[in-house]
Amino acid sequence: MIAPDTVIPLACNFALVVLGVSLLLTVYRVVRGPTLPDRVLALDMLVGIAIGLIAVIAIRTGYTLYVDIAISLGLVGFLATVAFARFILARGLRGERPAEDGPLLLLEIGGNPQLVRKEAGLLDAESDPSGKGMK
């Protein structure tokens, strides 16, 4: 039978390697993310990876204060993700600034995208499908 003194250090080393590789891949996604929501999701994933690293270090060292730090980091990470999501909703999916007289919310789900652009002041009268022109 394998002793726990042998398994725990091996499992911790394996977990540190896996978390390190995922950390590098996630940092790549933060830097190269094609859209702002991809970057926000990657930042949220970085918080999860950091929590995992802190948990593995807590197991390896036996210092239980690290668990409290991981819980606090999880709460702060959640609040940061909610704040970023509100920022994305206010700014639009592609990260452009809204028109001065248009609505702040450029996100539309299942609607007519031309109507959303018209309301934001981004659709000119010639390409208006309704034929009413811009106001």
Protein backbone atom coordinates (compact mmCIF):
# COMPACT_ATOMS: atom_id res chain seq x y z
CA MET A 1 0.00 0.00 0.00
CA ILE A 2 1.19 3.51 -0.79
CA ALA A 3 1.75 5.80 2.17
CA PRO A 4 -0.05 9.18 2.27
CA ASP A 5 3.32 10.85 2.88
CA THR A 6 4.28 9.82 -0.64
CA VAL A 7 1.02 10.55 -2.44
CA ILE A 8 0.35 14.07 -1.15
CA PRO A 9 3.65 15.63 -2.32
CA LEU A 10 3.30 13.93 -5.72
CA ALA A 11 -0.28 15.14 -6.09
CA CYS A 12 0.73 18.67 -5.05
CA ASN A 13 3.57 18.72 -7.57
CA PHE A 14 1.27 17.47 -10.33
CA ALA A 15 -1.37 20.07 -9.41
CA LEU A 16 1.22 22.85 -9.43
CA VAL A 17 2.38 21.84 -12.92
CA VAL A 18 -1.18 21.69 -14.27
CA LEU A 19 -2.10 25.02 -12.68
CA GLY A 20 1.11 26.60 -13.99
CA VAL A 21 0.36 25.51 -17.56
CA SER A 22 -3.22 26.74 -17.28
CA LEU A 23 -1.93 30.04 -15.88
CA LEU A 24 0.28 30.54 -18.94
CA LEU A 25 -2.53 29.66 -21.36
CA THR A 26 -4.92 32.01 -19.57
CA VAL A 27 -2.43 34.89 -19.61
CA TYR A 28 -2.12 34.30 -23.36
CA ARG A 29 -5.92 34.61 -23.66
CA VAL A 30 -5.88 37.85 -21.65
CA VAL A 31 -3.25 39.34 -23.96
CA ARG A 32 -4.57 37.97 -27.28
CA GLY A 33 -8.30 37.81 -26.53
CA PRO A 34 -10.16 38.89 -29.64
CA THR A 35 -12.93 40.63 -27.69
CA LEU A 36 -13.34 42.33 -24.36
CA PRO A 37 -15.62 39.59 -22.93
CA ASP A 38 -12.91 37.01 -23.73
CA ARG A 39 -10.43 39.02 -21.72
CA VAL A 40 -12.82 39.42 -18.79
CA LEU A 41 -13.50 35.69 -18.78
CA ALA A 42 -9.76 35.00 -18.82
CA LEU A 43 -9.23 37.37 -15.89
CA ASP A 44 -11.94 35.53 -13.98
CA MET A 45 -10.19 32.28 -14.81
CA LEU A 46 -6.93 33.72 -13.49
CA VAL A 47 -8.63 34.30 -10.15
CA GLY A 48 -9.74 30.66 -10.11
CA ILE A 49 -6.24 29.48 -10.94
CA ALA A 50 -4.77 31.68 -8.20
CA ILE A 51 -7.25 30.18 -5.72
CA GLY A 52 -6.15 26.71 -6.81
CA LEU A 53 -2.48 27.61 -6.40
CA ILE A 54 -3.12 29.02 -2.94
CA ALA A 55 -5.05 25.88 -1.96
CA VAL A 56 -2.23 23.60 -3.14
CA ILE A 57 0.32 25.67 -1.24
CA ALA A 58 -1.91 25.50 1.86
CA ILE A 59 -2.02 21.70 1.60
CA ARG A 60 1.69 21.45 0.98
CA THR A 61 2.74 23.72 3.86
CA GLY A 62 -0.06 22.87 6.28
CA TYR A 63 -0.61 26.57 6.96
CA THR A 64 -4.39 27.00 7.12
CA LEU A 65 -4.40 30.80 6.88
CA TYR A 66 -3.92 30.36 3.12
CA VAL A 67 -7.45 28.96 2.90
CA ASP A 68 -8.86 32.21 4.30
CA ILE A 69 -6.81 34.15 1.76
CA ALA A 70 -8.19 31.97 -1.04
CA ILE A 71 -11.77 32.58 0.11
CA SER A 72 -11.17 36.34 0.25
CA LEU A 73 -9.64 36.28 -3.23
CA GLY A 74 -12.69 34.39 -4.50
CA LEU A 75 -15.03 37.06 -3.15
CA VAL A 76 -12.99 39.92 -4.60
CA GLY A 77 -12.71 38.08 -7.93
CA PHE A 78 -16.47 37.63 -8.10
CA LEU A 79 -17.07 41.33 -7.45
CA ALA A 80 -14.50 42.27 -10.09
CA THR A 81 -16.20 40.00 -12.64
CA VAL A 82 -19.58 41.58 -11.94
CA ALA A 83 -18.06 45.06 -12.31
CA PHE A 84 -16.43 44.10 -15.63
CA ALA A 85 -19.72 42.62 -16.87
CA ARG A 86 -21.54 45.86 -16.09
CA PHE A 87 -18.79 47.76 -17.90
CA ILE A 88 -19.19 45.54 -20.97
CA LEU A 89 -22.95 46.07 -20.97
CA ALA A 90 -22.47 49.83 -20.79
CA ARG A 91 -19.84 49.85 -23.51
CA GLY A 92 -21.01 47.19 -25.96
CA LEU A 93 -19.59 43.82 -26.97
CA ARG A 94 -16.88 45.19 -29.24
CA GLY A 95 -15.70 47.83 -26.78
CA GLU A 96 -16.71 50.89 -28.79
CA ARG A 97 -17.95 54.02 -27.14
CA PRO A 98 -21.70 54.61 -27.54
CA ALA A 99 -22.97 57.54 -29.59
CA GLU A 100 -23.54 60.75 -27.66
CA ASP A 101 -27.31 60.80 -28.17
CA GLY A 102 -27.78 57.03 -28.39
CA PRO A 103 -28.51 54.55 -25.64
CA LEU A 104 -25.69 53.28 -23.46
CA LEU A 105 -26.70 49.67 -24.04
CA LEU A 106 -25.51 48.49 -27.45
CA LEU A 107 -26.04 44.81 -26.66
CA GLU A 108 -29.06 43.13 -28.21
CA ILE A 109 -30.13 39.53 -27.89
CA GLY A 110 -32.33 38.01 -30.56
CA GLY A 111 -33.41 41.40 -31.94
CA ASN A 112 -32.82 43.32 -35.12
CA PRO A 113 -29.18 44.50 -35.13
CA GLN A 114 -29.93 47.32 -37.60
CA LEU A 115 -32.55 48.69 -35.24
CA VAL A 116 -29.99 48.75 -32.45
CA ARG A 117 -27.49 50.58 -34.67
CA LYS A 118 -30.20 53.06 -35.73
CA GLU A 119 -31.06 53.85 -32.13
CA ALA A 120 -27.37 54.31 -31.35
CA GLY A 121 -27.00 56.75 -34.26
CA LEU A 122 -24.74 54.45 -36.29
CA LEU A 123 -27.11 53.74 -39.22
CA ASP A 124 -27.50 56.38 -41.91
CA ALA A 125 -30.78 57.20 -43.65
CA GLU A 126 -29.82 55.52 -46.96
CA SER A 127 -29.29 52.10 -45.37
CA ASP A 128 -32.34 52.36 -43.10
CA PRO A 129 -34.57 49.37 -43.92
CA SER A 130 -37.69 51.04 -42.54
CA GLY A 131 -37.36 54.00 -44.94
CA LYS A 132 -38.22 56.51 -42.21
CA GLY A 133 -34.78 58.09 -42.08
CA MET A 134 -32.86 59.27 -39.06
CA LYS A 135 -34.39 61.60 -36.49
